Amino acid sequence: MIDIPALMQDMGRRARAAAEPLRLAGAETRTLALISIGKAIRAEAEAILAANRSDLVRARAAGLSPALQDRLALTPERIAAMADAVDTVAAFPDPLGVETARWIRPNGLDIARVRTPLGVLAIIYESRPNVTADAAALCIRSGNVAILRCGSDCQDSALAIHAAAASGLAEAGLPADVVQLVPTPDRAAVGALLTGLDGTIDLLIPRGGKSLVARVQAEARVPVLGHLEGLNHTYVHAAADPAMARDVVLNAKMRRTSVCGATETLLIDRAVAPSLLPAIAGALAAAGCALRGDAEAGAILPTIEAATEADWTTEYLAPILAVKVVAGMDAAIDHVRTHGSGHTDAIVTEDAAAAETFLNAIDSAIVVWNASTQFADGGEFGFGGEIGISTSRLHARGPVGAEQLTSYKYVVRGTGQTRP
């Protein structure tokens, strides 16, 4: 029997002890660790795949949904992409010590604002084993120590990936405790993390379903970087280019349905719905997407399943799309404000003024004009990866990469000034 409270307290103490040597390590040392982790992931690909097969066997036996099984599954290509993502973070400019502003006061004081690590981050995630590598890489790049707690469904995969991370840290001469993985699926470990482990945790980052995020936000005794569900919308405006509208909506929904950036509701302007909706719906249906529409959509597409009120607030993470015909811009904006989660929302239009109206009116973390919502990704933003999409309004918002995992301090240089 594992003594969970004792285990977690020990992890917290060791994490805090590792924070100072990591913070003081040079950018070159952190880069070496990341390069070594990428190499280790490639070298251990077969072991990682074997561990993932064990996770998938349990997932199928437990009746995990196809969407969650897709998030869980690793392939040689996905492992290669995981290692490539670590390499990308390694090549990303080191954010620590960077001056974001500097000025001299009339009294001669030289004041600089300089990026510094947040400290110890506890990251709680579900289903996606690649988060183990992403989180480790971004924390090392930003000088933060990480305590990772994966979901029970990806425990074996995460342990195998963590072993590669430990190998990379050792090669760079950094403490193994810079990245720790909770070694048990016992849910009591999550409860322990939410307490902050006697002040050793500086920030909690939940990355998972609505229930996980809600629990963390409700029970945590330390700051939380929130990541709400992706109730994302694509609005096809009256001035949309028909071919662009079809292609963007198809990609936004079907490129990968299990990601948080997938569009879950299509809003289409009443003025163009009769002419554009059949072509968009045909492309979606050909790709295997089921549609659920309101009465006006049903009048245009007689075979569409009738949408219920719940469809406007459901993150399907599956090939299902809700469709609503709206009277115009104001109705589209009102629907997004009422039903959205503040994650990612897009407009397709050739009318620049209309686009700016939408972009200004929608206060989501990411707003998009004439592009797929699936670009809601730190790698696509050039951040070198992400720990998630923050829907919080404090500290960081949108894709959270290495730079967003830093805080700052003020460095004041004087020449003997005293305050009158």
Foldseek 3Di string as FASTA:
>chain_A
DDPLLVVLLVLLVLQQVQLVVLQPDDLVLLLQLLLQLLVLLLVCVVQLQVLLVVLLVVCVVVVPDPLLSVLQHDDNVNSNVLSVLSNLLSPDDQQFQDWPDWDADPVGKTKTKTWGFLEEEEEEEERHLSLLSQVLSLCSSLSYAYEYEYAPSNLSSNVSSLVSSLSSCVVSVGDSSSYHYDNDNPCVNVVSVLACSVVSHAEYEYYYAQVRQVVSVVRHPHHYQGFYAQQEEEEEAPAFDLVLVLVQLLCLCPVQLQDRLRHAEYEYEPNCCLPRVVSSVVSLVVSPAAEEEDPVNCVSVVPHHHDDPVSSQDSPSDRYHYYYYANHLVRVLVSCVVRGDLAEYEYGHPDPVSRVVSVVSRNHLYYYYSHHSVCQWCVSVSQSGASHAGRDPPQDGGGHGSNSSIDIDMDIDDDDDDDD
